[in-house]
Amino acid sequence: MRISRKFIVTAGAAIVLGAGGLGIAAASGGSDSSEGPDVPISGDALQKASDAALASTGGGRVTGTEIHDEESYYQVEVTLDDGRQVDVQLDENFTVVGSKTDSGS
C-alpha cells in the first residue's frame, strides 16, 4: 500500500488544527460561553465604581471588581463587616442598577 505525500500533508494539517482547537478550549475553560476572562476595573473607573458601590452598601470593603460583567457594565464585590458579600451592579455612568447579597456562610 502506497500513501501519497498529499495524504500525509493533509492528515498532518488536520491533526495540528485539531490539537490547536483542543488547546484553545482548554485555555478558555472548555466552556461554550462567549464570555471572556474576568477583567478587573482599573484607573479612575476603579475609584468611581468603588465609591458608588460603598455608598450603596453603606460601607464595607471592596474585595473584587469586574468590567463588562454579564449583568452590567461594572460589578463591584463588597464584603460587609458581618461577612456578607454584596455584588453591586453599575452602569457605564457608575449608577447602581442592581445588587445581590450572599449570606457569607
PDB file of N, CA and C in Angstrom:
ATOM      1  N   MET A   1       0.851  -1.179   0.000  1.00  0.00           N
ATOM      2  CA  MET A   1       0.000   0.000   0.000  1.00  0.00           C
ATOM      3  C   MET A   1       0.889   1.231   0.000  1.00  0.00           C
ATOM      4  N   ARG A   2       0.631   2.127  -0.901  1.00  0.00           N
ATOM      5  CA  ARG A   2       1.425   3.336  -1.038  1.00  0.00           C
ATOM      6  C   ARG A   2       0.584   4.528  -0.595  1.00  0.00           C
ATOM      7  N   ILE A   3       1.119   5.339   0.325  1.00  0.00           N
ATOM      8  CA  ILE A   3       0.424   6.525   0.818  1.00  0.00           C
ATOM      9  C   ILE A   3       1.025   7.741   0.136  1.00  0.00           C
ATOM     10  N   SER A   4       0.184   8.559  -0.426  1.00  0.00           N
ATOM     11  CA  SER A   4       0.681   9.724  -1.163  1.00  0.00           C
ATOM     12  C   SER A   4       1.142  10.822  -0.210  1.00  0.00           C
ATOM     13  N   ARG A   5       2.056  11.633  -0.689  1.00  0.00           N
ATOM     14  CA  ARG A   5       2.571  12.766   0.085  1.00  0.00           C
ATOM     15  C   ARG A   5       1.439  13.743   0.410  1.00  0.00           C
ATOM     16  N   LYS A   6       0.532  13.949  -0.544  1.00  0.00           N
ATOM     17  CA  LYS A   6      -0.600  14.856  -0.335  1.00  0.00           C
ATOM     18  C   LYS A   6      -1.461  14.372   0.826  1.00  0.00           C
ATOM     19  N   PHE A   7      -1.698  13.060   0.928  1.00  0.00           N
ATOM     20  CA  PHE A   7      -2.488  12.496   2.024  1.00  0.00           C
ATOM     21  C   PHE A   7      -1.804  12.760   3.361  1.00  0.00           C
ATOM     22  N   ILE A   8      -0.486  12.563   3.417  1.00  0.00           N
ATOM     23  CA  ILE A   8       0.260  12.749   4.669  1.00  0.00           C
ATOM     24  C   ILE A   8       0.208  14.214   5.100  1.00  0.00           C
ATOM     25  N   VAL A   9       0.398  15.127   4.159  1.00  0.00           N
ATOM     26  CA  VAL A   9       0.354  16.552   4.488  1.00  0.00           C
ATOM     27  C   VAL A   9      -1.044  16.950   4.968  1.00  0.00           C
ATOM     28  N   THR A  10      -2.075  16.472   4.280  1.00  0.00           N
ATOM     29  CA  THR A  10      -3.453  16.797   4.661  1.00  0.00           C
ATOM     30  C   THR A  10      -3.783  16.227   6.041  1.00  0.00           C
ATOM     31  N   ALA A  11      -3.399  14.981   6.290  1.00  0.00           N
ATOM     32  CA  ALA A  11      -3.659  14.354   7.589  1.00  0.00           C
ATOM     33  C   ALA A  11      -2.895  15.082   8.687  1.00  0.00           C
ATOM     34  N   GLY A  12      -1.659  15.461   8.412  1.00  0.00           N
ATOM     35  CA  GLY A  12      -0.862  16.193   9.402  1.00  0.00           C
ATOM     36  C   GLY A  12      -1.481  17.530   9.742  1.00  0.00           C
ATOM     37  N   ALA A  13      -1.956  18.230   8.731  1.00  0.00           N
ATOM     38  CA  ALA A  13      -2.605  19.530   8.958  1.00  0.00           C
ATOM     39  C   ALA A  13      -3.864  19.367   9.794  1.00  0.00           C
ATOM     40  N   ALA A  14      -4.637  18.337   9.528  1.00  0.00           N
ATOM     41  CA  ALA A  14      -5.859  18.090  10.300  1.00  0.00           C
ATOM     42  C   ALA A  14      -5.529  17.815  11.758  1.00  0.00           C
ATOM     43  N   ILE A  15      -4.476  17.070  12.017  1.00  0.00           N
ATOM     44  CA  ILE A  15      -4.078  16.765  13.397  1.00  0.00           C
ATOM     45  C   ILE A  15      -3.640  18.042  14.110  1.00  0.00           C
ATOM     46  N   VAL A  16      -2.827  18.856  13.447  1.00  0.00           N
ATOM     47  CA  VAL A  16      -2.354  20.104  14.047  1.00  0.00           C
ATOM     48  C   VAL A  16      -3.521  21.041  14.353  1.00  0.00           C
ATOM     49  N   LEU A  17      -4.436  21.190  13.408  1.00  0.00           N
ATOM     50  CA  LEU A  17      -5.599  22.060  13.632  1.00  0.00           C
ATOM     51  C   LEU A  17      -6.471  21.542  14.761  1.00  0.00           C
ATOM     52  N   GLY A  18      -6.673  20.242  14.816  1.00  0.00           N
ATOM     53  CA  GLY A  18      -7.473  19.648  15.885  1.00  0.00           C
ATOM     54  C   GLY A  18      -6.828  19.851  17.239  1.00  0.00           C
ATOM     55  N   ALA A  19      -5.513  19.660  17.320  1.00  0.00           N
ATOM     56  CA  ALA A  19      -4.801  19.857  18.585  1.00  0.00           C
ATOM     57  C   ALA A  19      -4.853  21.318  19.009  1.00  0.00           C
ATOM     58  N   GLY A  20      -4.743  22.223  18.035  1.00  0.00           N
ATOM     59  CA  GLY A  20      -4.841  23.648  18.350  1.00  0.00           C
ATOM     60  C   GLY A  20      -6.200  24.004  18.912  1.00  0.00           C
ATOM     61  N   GLY A  21      -7.245  23.430  18.344  1.00  0.00           N
ATOM     62  CA  GLY A  21      -8.599  23.672  18.847  1.00  0.00           C
ATOM     63  C   GLY A  21      -8.784  23.170  20.259  1.00  0.00           C
ATOM     64  N   LEU A  22      -8.195  22.021  20.554  1.00  0.00           N
ATOM     65  CA  LEU A  22      -8.271  21.493  21.916  1.00  0.00           C
ATOM     66  C   LEU A  22      -7.527  22.393  22.886  1.00  0.00           C
ATOM     67  N   GLY A  23      -6.388  22.917  22.453  1.00  0.00           N
ATOM     68  CA  GLY A  23      -5.625  23.825  23.303  1.00  0.00           C
ATOM     69  C   GLY A  23      -6.394  25.086  23.611  1.00  0.00           C
ATOM     70  N   ILE A  24      -7.077  25.631  22.619  1.00  0.00           N
ATOM     71  CA  ILE A  24      -7.886  26.834  22.837  1.00  0.00           C
ATOM     72  C   ILE A  24      -9.035  26.532  23.787  1.00  0.00           C
ATOM     73  N   ALA A  25      -9.695  25.402  23.611  1.00  0.00           N
ATOM     74  CA  ALA A  25     -10.799  25.034  24.501  1.00  0.00           C
ATOM     75  C   ALA A  25     -10.309  24.859  25.927  1.00  0.00           C
ATOM     76  N   ALA A  26      -9.145  24.244  26.101  1.00  0.00           N
ATOM     77  CA  ALA A  26      -8.606  24.043  27.443  1.00  0.00           C
ATOM     78  C   ALA A  26      -8.230  25.372  28.075  1.00  0.00           C
ATOM     79  N   ALA A  27      -7.644  26.267  27.305  1.00  0.00           N
ATOM     80  CA  ALA A  27      -7.225  27.561  27.836  1.00  0.00           C
ATOM     81  C   ALA A  27      -8.422  28.409  28.246  1.00  0.00           C
ATOM     82  N   SER A  28      -9.542  28.238  27.576  1.00  0.00           N
ATOM     83  CA  SER A  28     -10.721  29.035  27.898  1.00  0.00           C
ATOM     84  C   SER A  28     -11.646  28.324  28.870  1.00  0.00           C
ATOM     85  N   GLY A  29     -11.187  27.240  29.452  1.00  0.00           N
ATOM     86  CA  GLY A  29     -12.015  26.520  30.402  1.00  0.00           C
ATOM     87  C   GLY A  29     -12.916  25.517  29.730  1.00  0.00           C
ATOM     88  N   GLY A  30     -12.857  25.422  28.411  1.00  0.00           N
ATOM     89  CA  GLY A  30     -13.626  24.423  27.695  1.00  0.00           C
ATOM     90  C   GLY A  30     -15.117  24.689  27.639  1.00  0.00           C
ATOM     91  N   SER A  31     -15.557  25.861  28.048  1.00  0.00           N
ATOM     92  CA  SER A  31     -16.990  26.113  28.038  1.00  0.00           C
ATOM     93  C   SER A  31     -17.414  26.667  26.688  1.00  0.00           C
ATOM     94  N   ASP A  32     -18.698  26.582  26.420  1.00  0.00           N
ATOM     95  CA  ASP A  32     -19.244  27.114  25.187  1.00  0.00           C
ATOM     96  C   ASP A  32     -19.636  28.574  25.329  1.00  0.00           C
ATOM     97  N   SER A  33     -19.420  29.139  26.507  1.00  0.00           N
ATOM     98  CA  SER A  33     -19.803  30.519  26.763  1.00  0.00           C
ATOM     99  C   SER A  33     -18.932  31.472  25.965  1.00  0.00           C
ATOM    100  N   SER A  34     -19.510  32.537  25.463  1.00  0.00           N
ATOM    101  CA  SER A  34     -18.746  33.535  24.734  1.00  0.00           C
ATOM    102  C   SER A  34     -18.116  34.546  25.682  1.00  0.00           C
ATOM    103  N   GLU A  35     -18.355  34.384  26.966  1.00  0.00           N
ATOM    104  CA  GLU A  35     -17.815  35.290  27.957  1.00  0.00           C
ATOM    105  C   GLU A  35     -16.316  35.053  28.109  1.00  0.00           C
ATOM    106  N   GLY A  36     -15.548  36.133  28.087  1.00  0.00           N
ATOM    107  CA  GLY A  36     -14.112  36.027  28.233  1.00  0.00           C
ATOM    108  C   GLY A  36     -13.706  36.016  29.692  1.00  0.00           C
ATOM    109  N   PRO A  37     -12.417  36.118  29.938  1.00  0.00           N
ATOM    110  CA  PRO A  37     -11.929  36.119  31.312  1.00  0.00           C
ATOM    111  C   PRO A  37     -12.369  37.380  32.047  1.00  0.00           C
ATOM    112  N   ASP A  38     -12.462  37.275  33.366  1.00  0.00           N
ATOM    113  CA  ASP A  38     -12.821  38.436  34.180  1.00  0.00           C
ATOM    114  C   ASP A  38     -11.726  39.487  34.061  1.00  0.00           C
ATOM    115  N   VAL A  39     -12.136  40.719  33.818  1.00  0.00           N
ATOM    116  CA  VAL A  39     -11.200  41.832  33.712  1.00  0.00           C
ATOM    117  C   VAL A  39     -11.515  42.801  34.842  1.00  0.00           C
ATOM    118  N   PRO A  40     -10.555  43.031  35.755  1.00  0.00           N
ATOM    119  CA  PRO A  40     -10.822  43.950  36.857  1.00  0.00           C
ATOM    120  C   PRO A  40     -10.910  45.393  36.384  1.00  0.00           C
ATOM    121  N   ILE A  41     -11.657  46.195  37.124  1.00  0.00           N
ATOM    122  CA  ILE A  41     -11.764  47.624  36.856  1.00  0.00           C
ATOM    123  C   ILE A  41     -10.436  48.258  37.266  1.00  0.00           C
ATOM    124  N   SER A  42      -9.984  49.262  36.518  1.00  0.00           N
ATOM    125  CA  SER A  42      -8.721  49.908  36.854  1.00  0.00           C
ATOM    126  C   SER A  42      -8.823  51.420  36.666  1.00  0.00           C
ATOM    127  N   GLY A  43      -7.785  52.117  37.085  1.00  0.00           N
ATOM    128  CA  GLY A  43      -7.698  53.561  36.893  1.00  0.00           C
ATOM    129  C   GLY A  43      -8.771  54.333  37.642  1.00  0.00           C
ATOM    130  N   ASP A  44      -9.151  55.460  37.063  1.00  0.00           N
ATOM    131  CA  ASP A  44     -10.170  56.326  37.676  1.00  0.00           C
ATOM    132  C   ASP A  44     -11.498  55.595  37.820  1.00  0.00           C
ATOM    133  N   ALA A  45     -11.793  54.707  36.890  1.00  0.00           N
ATOM    134  CA  ALA A  45     -13.055  53.967  36.941  1.00  0.00           C
ATOM    135  C   ALA A  45     -13.140  53.111  38.201  1.00  0.00           C
ATOM    136  N   LEU A  46     -11.995  52.573  38.642  1.00  0.00           N
ATOM    137  CA  LEU A  46     -11.989  51.759  39.862  1.00  0.00           C
ATOM    138  C   LEU A  46     -12.417  52.580  41.059  1.00  0.00           C
ATOM    139  N   GLN A  47     -11.885  53.785  41.182  1.00  0.00           N
ATOM    140  CA  GLN A  47     -12.242  54.650  42.313  1.00  0.00           C
ATOM    141  C   GLN A  47     -13.716  55.034  42.262  1.00  0.00           C
ATOM    142  N   LYS A  48     -14.193  55.430  41.076  1.00  0.00           N
ATOM    143  CA  LYS A  48     -15.595  55.838  40.935  1.00  0.00           C
ATOM    144  C   LYS A  48     -16.543  54.673  41.211  1.00  0.00           C
ATOM    145  N   ALA A  49     -16.227  53.505  40.688  1.00  0.00           N
ATOM    146  CA  ALA A  49     -17.083  52.335  40.900  1.00  0.00           C
ATOM    147  C   ALA A  49     -17.073  51.920  42.366  1.00  0.00           C
ATOM    148  N   SER A  50     -15.907  51.948  42.991  1.00  0.00           N
ATOM    149  CA  SER A  50     -15.801  51.591  44.406  1.00  0.00           C
ATOM    150  C   SER A  50     -16.602  52.546  45.267  1.00  0.00           C
ATOM    151  N   ASP A  51     -16.451  53.853  45.011  1.00  0.00           N
ATOM    152  CA  ASP A  51     -17.193  54.861  45.781  1.00  0.00           C
ATOM    153  C   ASP A  51     -18.697  54.655  45.653  1.00  0.00           C
ATOM    154  N   ALA A  52     -19.180  54.407  44.437  1.00  0.00           N
ATOM    155  CA  ALA A  52     -20.615  54.206  44.215  1.00  0.00           C
ATOM    156  C   ALA A  52     -21.110  52.946  44.913  1.00  0.00           C
ATOM    157  N   ALA A  53     -20.318  51.876  44.842  1.00  0.00           N
ATOM    158  CA  ALA A  53     -20.734  50.619  45.466  1.00  0.00           C
ATOM    159  C   ALA A  53     -20.763  50.745  46.986  1.00  0.00           C
ATOM    160  N   LEU A  54     -19.737  51.354  47.556  1.00  0.00           N
ATOM    161  CA  LEU A  54     -19.690  51.506  49.019  1.00  0.00           C
ATOM    162  C   LEU A  54     -20.795  52.440  49.517  1.00  0.00           C
ATOM    163  N   ALA A  55     -21.138  53.461  48.745  1.00  0.00           N
ATOM    164  CA  ALA A  55     -22.259  54.330  49.121  1.00  0.00           C
ATOM    165  C   ALA A  55     -23.557  53.544  49.103  1.00  0.00           C
ATOM    166  N   SER A  56     -23.680  52.643  48.150  1.00  0.00           N
ATOM    167  CA  SER A  56     -24.889  51.831  48.027  1.00  0.00           C
ATOM    168  C   SER A  56     -25.043  50.847  49.184  1.00  0.00           C
ATOM    169  N   THR A  57     -23.935  50.268  49.627  1.00  0.00           N
ATOM    170  CA  THR A  57     -23.988  49.263  50.692  1.00  0.00           C
ATOM    171  C   THR A  57     -23.891  49.866  52.082  1.00  0.00           C
ATOM    172  N   GLY A  58     -23.555  51.148  52.167  1.00  0.00           N
ATOM    173  CA  GLY A  58     -23.417  51.787  53.472  1.00  0.00           C
ATOM    174  C   GLY A  58     -22.103  51.427  54.152  1.00  0.00           C
ATOM    175  N   GLY A  59     -21.116  51.013  53.404  1.00  0.00           N
ATOM    176  CA  GLY A  59     -19.809  50.685  53.971  1.00  0.00           C
ATOM    177  C   GLY A  59     -19.349  49.308  53.560  1.00  0.00           C
ATOM    178  N   GLY A  60     -18.294  48.858  54.231  1.00  0.00           N
ATOM    179  CA  GLY A  60     -17.673  47.581  53.906  1.00  0.00           C
ATOM    180  C   GLY A  60     -16.362  47.821  53.189  1.00  0.00           C
ATOM    181  N   ARG A  61     -15.854  46.776  52.537  1.00  0.00           N
ATOM    182  CA  ARG A  61     -14.620  46.936  51.777  1.00  0.00           C
ATOM    183  C   ARG A  61     -14.757  46.244  50.432  1.00  0.00           C
ATOM    184  N   VAL A  62     -14.167  46.843  49.423  1.00  0.00           N
ATOM    185  CA  VAL A  62     -14.204  46.282  48.081  1.00  0.00           C
ATOM    186  C   VAL A  62     -13.259  45.089  48.039  1.00  0.00           C
ATOM    187  N   THR A  63     -13.784  43.935  47.649  1.00  0.00           N
ATOM    188  CA  THR A  63     -12.975  42.714  47.608  1.00  0.00           C
ATOM    189  C   THR A  63     -12.867  42.126  46.213  1.00  0.00           C
ATOM    190  N   GLY A  64     -13.482  42.775  45.229  1.00  0.00           N
ATOM    191  CA  GLY A  64     -13.361  42.308  43.852  1.00  0.00           C
ATOM    192  C   GLY A  64     -14.096  43.247  42.917  1.00  0.00           C
ATOM    193  N   THR A  65     -13.608  43.317  41.683  1.00  0.00           N
ATOM    194  CA  THR A  65     -14.261  44.145  40.673  1.00  0.00           C
ATOM    195  C   THR A  65     -14.196  43.435  39.334  1.00  0.00           C
ATOM    196  N   GLU A  66     -15.097  43.821  38.460  1.00  0.00           N
ATOM    197  CA  GLU A  66     -15.114  43.249  37.109  1.00  0.00           C
ATOM    198  C   GLU A  66     -15.754  44.245  36.161  1.00  0.00           C
ATOM    199  N   ILE A  67     -15.147  44.401  34.999  1.00  0.00           N
ATOM    200  CA  ILE A  67     -15.721  45.259  33.970  1.00  0.00           C
ATOM    201  C   ILE A  67     -16.415  44.367  32.942  1.00  0.00           C
ATOM    202  N   HIS A  68     -17.497  44.848  32.384  1.00  0.00           N
ATOM    203  CA  HIS A  68     -18.299  44.116  31.401  1.00  0.00           C
ATOM    204  C   HIS A  68     -18.793  42.785  31.961  1.00  0.00           C
ATOM    205  N   ASP A  69     -19.300  42.837  33.172  1.00  0.00           N
ATOM    206  CA  ASP A  69     -19.925  41.672  33.796  1.00  0.00           C
ATOM    207  C   ASP A  69     -21.140  41.269  32.976  1.00  0.00           C
ATOM    208  N   GLU A  70     -21.553  40.009  33.078  1.00  0.00           N
ATOM    209  CA  GLU A  70     -22.703  39.549  32.289  1.00  0.00           C
ATOM    210  C   GLU A  70     -24.008  40.241  32.670  1.00  0.00           C
ATOM    211  N   GLU A  71     -24.041  40.875  33.841  1.00  0.00           N
ATOM    212  CA  GLU A  71     -25.270  41.516  34.300  1.00  0.00           C
ATOM    213  C   GLU A  71     -25.248  43.039  34.171  1.00  0.00           C
ATOM    214  N   SER A  72     -24.064  43.632  34.042  1.00  0.00           N
ATOM    215  CA  SER A  72     -23.969  45.085  33.992  1.00  0.00           C
ATOM    216  C   SER A  72     -22.614  45.489  33.426  1.00  0.00           C
ATOM    217  N   TYR A  73     -22.426  46.792  33.308  1.00  0.00           N
ATOM    218  CA  TYR A  73     -21.156  47.288  32.773  1.00  0.00           C
ATOM    219  C   TYR A  73     -20.020  47.058  33.773  1.00  0.00           C
ATOM    220  N   TYR A  74     -20.272  47.396  35.043  1.00  0.00           N
ATOM    221  CA  TYR A  74     -19.301  47.157  36.114  1.00  0.00           C
ATOM    222  C   TYR A  74     -19.953  46.310  37.207  1.00  0.00           C
ATOM    223  N   GLN A  75     -19.149  45.494  37.866  1.00  0.00           N
ATOM    224  CA  GLN A  75     -19.594  44.793  39.075  1.00  0.00           C
ATOM    225  C   GLN A  75     -18.542  45.008  40.145  1.00  0.00           C
ATOM    226  N   VAL A  76     -18.992  45.392  41.328  1.00  0.00           N
ATOM    227  CA  VAL A  76     -18.091  45.572  42.460  1.00  0.00           C
ATOM    228  C   VAL A  76     -18.577  44.667  43.580  1.00  0.00           C
ATOM    229  N   GLU A  77     -17.678  43.823  44.069  1.00  0.00           N
ATOM    230  CA  GLU A  77     -17.999  42.948  45.196  1.00  0.00           C
ATOM    231  C   GLU A  77     -17.564  43.651  46.473  1.00  0.00           C
ATOM    232  N   VAL A  78     -18.500  43.814  47.393  1.00  0.00           N
ATOM    233  CA  VAL A  78     -18.235  44.465  48.669  1.00  0.00           C
ATOM    234  C   VAL A  78     -18.467  43.446  49.781  1.00  0.00           C
ATOM    235  N   THR A  79     -17.491  43.317  50.679  1.00  0.00           N
ATOM    236  CA  THR A  79     -17.655  42.462  51.853  1.00  0.00           C
ATOM    237  C   THR A  79     -18.004  43.367  53.028  1.00  0.00           C
ATOM    238  N   LEU A  80     -19.166  43.096  53.613  1.00  0.00           N
ATOM    239  CA  LEU A  80     -19.636  43.891  54.742  1.00  0.00           C
ATOM    240  C   LEU A  80     -18.961  43.417  56.026  1.00  0.00           C
ATOM    241  N   ASP A  81     -19.053  44.242  57.087  1.00  0.00           N
ATOM    242  CA  ASP A  81     -18.416  43.920  58.363  1.00  0.00           C
ATOM    243  C   ASP A  81     -18.923  42.603  58.952  1.00  0.00           C
ATOM    244  N   ASP A  82     -20.172  42.226  58.639  1.00  0.00           N
ATOM    245  CA  ASP A  82     -20.725  40.983  59.183  1.00  0.00           C
ATOM    246  C   ASP A  82     -20.382  39.754  58.326  1.00  0.00           C
ATOM    247  N   GLY A  83     -19.564  39.949  57.270  1.00  0.00           N
ATOM    248  CA  GLY A  83     -19.128  38.830  56.435  1.00  0.00           C
ATOM    249  C   GLY A  83     -19.955  38.604  55.186  1.00  0.00           C
ATOM    250  N   ARG A  84     -21.120  39.233  55.107  1.00  0.00           N
ATOM    251  CA  ARG A  84     -21.916  39.080  53.891  1.00  0.00           C
ATOM    252  C   ARG A  84     -21.228  39.772  52.727  1.00  0.00           C
ATOM    253  N   GLN A  85     -21.449  39.227  51.541  1.00  0.00           N
ATOM    254  CA  GLN A  85     -20.903  39.839  50.334  1.00  0.00           C
ATOM    255  C   GLN A  85     -22.049  40.374  49.484  1.00  0.00           C
ATOM    256  N   VAL A  86     -21.836  41.552  48.950  1.00  0.00           N
ATOM    257  CA  VAL A  86     -22.826  42.182  48.085  1.00  0.00           C
ATOM    258  C   VAL A  86     -22.164  42.445  46.731  1.00  0.00           C
ATOM    259  N   ASP A  87     -22.772  41.928  45.676  1.00  0.00           N
ATOM    260  CA  ASP A  87     -22.337  42.233  44.319  1.00  0.00           C
ATOM    261  C   ASP A  87     -23.172  43.413  43.841  1.00  0.00           C
ATOM    262  N   VAL A  88     -22.522  44.543  43.660  1.00  0.00           N
ATOM    263  CA  VAL A  88     -23.207  45.763  43.236  1.00  0.00           C
ATOM    264  C   VAL A  88     -22.996  45.926  41.735  1.00  0.00           C
ATOM    265  N   GLN A  89     -24.097  46.057  41.013  1.00  0.00           N
ATOM    266  CA  GLN A  89     -24.069  46.217  39.553  1.00  0.00           C
ATOM    267  C   GLN A  89     -24.190  47.702  39.218  1.00  0.00           C
ATOM    268  N   LEU A  90     -23.288  48.169  38.336  1.00  0.00           N
ATOM    269  CA  LEU A  90     -23.272  49.584  37.954  1.00  0.00           C
ATOM    270  C   LEU A  90     -23.331  49.710  36.437  1.00  0.00           C
ATOM    271  N   ASP A  91     -23.943  50.807  35.966  1.00  0.00           N
ATOM    272  CA  ASP A  91     -23.911  51.060  34.524  1.00  0.00           C
ATOM    273  C   ASP A  91     -22.629  51.827  34.180  1.00  0.00           C
ATOM    274  N   GLU A  92     -22.463  52.214  32.926  1.00  0.00           N
ATOM    275  CA  GLU A  92     -21.234  52.881  32.498  1.00  0.00           C
ATOM    276  C   GLU A  92     -21.063  54.272  33.094  1.00  0.00           C
ATOM    277  N   ASN A  93     -22.127  54.816  33.722  1.00  0.00           N
ATOM    278  CA  ASN A  93     -22.061  56.118  34.384  1.00  0.00           C
ATOM    279  C   ASN A  93     -21.914  55.983  35.894  1.00  0.00           C
ATOM    280  N   PHE A  94     -21.636  54.759  36.368  1.00  0.00           N
ATOM    281  CA  PHE A  94     -21.429  54.444  37.785  1.00  0.00           C
ATOM    282  C   PHE A  94     -22.702  54.604  38.607  1.00  0.00           C
ATOM    283  N   THR A  95     -23.838  54.427  37.961  1.00  0.00           N
ATOM    284  CA  THR A  95     -25.129  54.438  38.637  1.00  0.00           C
ATOM    285  C   THR A  95     -25.473  53.003  39.000  1.00  0.00           C
ATOM    286  N   VAL A  96     -25.879  52.801  40.258  1.00  0.00           N
ATOM    287  CA  VAL A  96     -26.241  51.460  40.710  1.00  0.00           C
ATOM    288  C   VAL A  96     -27.514  51.012  39.981  1.00  0.00           C
ATOM    289  N   VAL A  97     -27.432  49.851  39.356  1.00  0.00           N
ATOM    290  CA  VAL A  97     -28.589  49.306  38.628  1.00  0.00           C
ATOM    291  C   VAL A  97     -29.083  48.003  39.236  1.00  0.00           C
ATOM    292  N   GLY A  98     -28.426  47.544  40.310  1.00  0.00           N
ATOM    293  CA  GLY A  98     -28.861  46.337  40.977  1.00  0.00           C
ATOM    294  C   GLY A  98     -27.812  45.854  41.957  1.00  0.00           C
ATOM    295  N   SER A  99     -28.209  44.923  42.799  1.00  0.00           N
ATOM    296  CA  SER A  99     -27.262  44.315  43.742  1.00  0.00           C
ATOM    297  C   SER A  99     -27.823  42.970  44.201  1.00  0.00           C
ATOM    298  N   LYS A 100     -26.904  42.123  44.647  1.00  0.00           N
ATOM    299  CA  LYS A 100     -27.278  40.803  45.126  1.00  0.00           C
ATOM    300  C   LYS A 100     -26.421  40.523  46.351  1.00  0.00           C
ATOM    301  N   THR A 101     -27.054  40.119  47.452  1.00  0.00           N
ATOM    302  CA  THR A 101     -26.336  39.831  48.685  1.00  0.00           C
ATOM    303  C   THR A 101     -26.220  38.331  48.870  1.00  0.00           C
ATOM    304  N   ASP A 102     -24.986  37.887  49.138  1.00  0.00           N
ATOM    305  CA  ASP A 102     -24.721  36.497  49.512  1.00  0.00           C
ATOM    306  C   ASP A 102     -24.591  36.424  51.007  1.00  0.00           C
ATOM    307  N   SER A 103     -24.961  35.290  51.582  1.00  0.00           N
ATOM    308  CA  SER A 103     -25.021  35.153  53.033  1.00  0.00           C
ATOM    309  C   SER A 103     -23.648  35.171  53.699  1.00  0.00           C
ATOM    310  N   GLY A 104     -22.585  34.787  53.009  1.00  0.00           N
ATOM    311  CA  GLY A 104     -21.255  34.776  53.612  1.00  0.00           C
ATOM    312  C   GLY A 104     -20.976  33.526  54.406  1.00  0.00           C
ATOM    313  N   SER A 105     -21.916  32.580  54.444  1.00  0.00           N
ATOM    314  CA  SER A 105     -21.659  31.344  55.183  1.00  0.00           C
ATOM    315  C   SER A 105     -21.470  30.184  54.246  1.00  0.00           C
TER     316      SER A 105
END
